Every structure is written in C-alpha cells, then in structure tokens.
Amino acid sequence: MAKAVGIPERQASRPGVESGRSLFGLIKHLTVVELNWFAWAHADTGTELWDDAAPVADGRRCATR
C-alpha cells in the first residue's frame, strides 16, 4: 500500500488493465486474500471468509466488519 500513497483517488479508481481492475480493487482483493488466508490457515477461527467481489457500502473503498 505504501506504493499507492499520493495517487489521486480518481486515478486509483479508474481501471488500469483489460480485466477492469483498478488500483483500489487490487488493494481490496489482496487485503481480502490475506485476511482469509490468516483466518483459514493460522487462526482457525471458523469465521465466514470475506468476498472481495462484494459491494462496499456507503461509498467506502474497503469493507469493514
């Protein structure tokens, strides 16, 4: 995420590759993958895994619990 500091929100929201993934989308995806990995592999919490394709409420850029 340090590499994304200072990038304007408009630019980070715009798809940058043919798949349609934006920088915000990539950061959200990687965050969800890491959270799910630790919940599943290390914490063994039995909690429901997050979905990186789920819509984000209230205009926020990342999901909160």
Protein backbone atom coordinates (compact mmCIF):
# COMPACT_ATOMS: atom_id res chain seq x y z
CA MET A 1 0.00 0.00 0.00
CA ALA A 2 2.91 2.34 0.51
CA LYS A 3 3.38 2.45 -3.26
CA ALA A 4 -0.17 3.83 -3.63
CA VAL A 5 0.31 6.78 -1.28
CA GLY A 6 -0.18 10.07 -3.08
CA ILE A 7 -2.05 8.67 -6.08
CA PRO A 8 -5.19 10.75 -6.69
CA GLU A 9 -8.44 8.92 -5.86
CA ARG A 10 -9.79 9.45 -9.36
CA GLN A 11 -6.75 7.77 -10.91
CA ALA A 12 -6.72 4.91 -8.37
CA SER A 13 -10.42 4.25 -9.05
CA ARG A 14 -10.01 4.00 -12.82
CA PRO A 15 -9.45 0.53 -14.31
CA GLY A 16 -5.84 0.22 -15.38
CA VAL A 17 -5.89 -3.17 -17.07
CA GLU A 18 -8.13 -5.03 -19.50
CA SER A 19 -9.75 -7.03 -16.69
CA GLY A 20 -11.23 -3.78 -15.35
CA ARG A 21 -9.37 -3.95 -12.02
CA SER A 22 -8.42 -0.60 -10.53
CA LEU A 23 -5.66 0.07 -8.02
CA PHE A 24 -8.31 0.27 -5.27
CA GLY A 25 -9.75 -3.03 -6.47
CA LEU A 26 -6.33 -4.67 -6.42
CA ILE A 27 -5.63 -3.45 -2.88
CA LYS A 28 -9.08 -4.66 -1.75
CA HIS A 29 -8.51 -8.06 -3.38
CA LEU A 30 -5.07 -8.54 -1.81
CA THR A 31 -6.35 -7.45 1.60
CA VAL A 32 -9.21 -9.96 1.47
CA VAL A 33 -6.90 -12.75 0.31
CA GLU A 34 -4.52 -12.11 3.21
CA LEU A 35 -7.33 -11.86 5.79
CA ASN A 36 -8.91 -15.07 4.51
CA TRP A 37 -5.57 -16.87 4.48
CA PHE A 38 -4.80 -15.99 8.08
CA ALA A 39 -8.34 -16.75 9.25
CA TRP A 40 -8.31 -20.11 7.48
CA ALA A 41 -4.71 -21.26 7.84
CA HIS A 42 -3.43 -19.73 11.03
CA ALA A 43 -6.21 -18.55 13.30
CA ASP A 44 -8.60 -21.44 12.57
CA THR A 45 -11.38 -19.13 13.70
CA GLY A 46 -14.13 -20.83 11.73
CA THR A 47 -15.40 -17.42 10.68
CA GLU A 48 -17.04 -16.78 7.35
CA LEU A 49 -14.50 -15.78 4.73
CA TRP A 50 -14.68 -12.34 3.11
CA ASP A 51 -15.65 -11.86 -0.52
CA ASP A 52 -13.56 -9.35 -2.45
CA ALA A 53 -16.30 -9.03 -5.07
CA ALA A 54 -18.88 -7.89 -2.51
CA PRO A 55 -20.01 -4.29 -2.88
CA VAL A 56 -18.64 -1.75 -0.45
CA ALA A 57 -21.30 0.15 1.50
CA ASP A 58 -21.63 3.90 1.89
CA GLY A 59 -19.07 4.80 -0.76
CA ARG A 60 -16.14 3.47 1.26
CA ARG A 61 -13.25 1.97 -0.65
CA CYS A 62 -12.83 -1.09 1.56
CA ALA A 63 -15.12 -3.36 3.50
CA THR A 64 -15.37 -3.10 7.25
CA ARG A 65 -16.76 -5.55 9.73
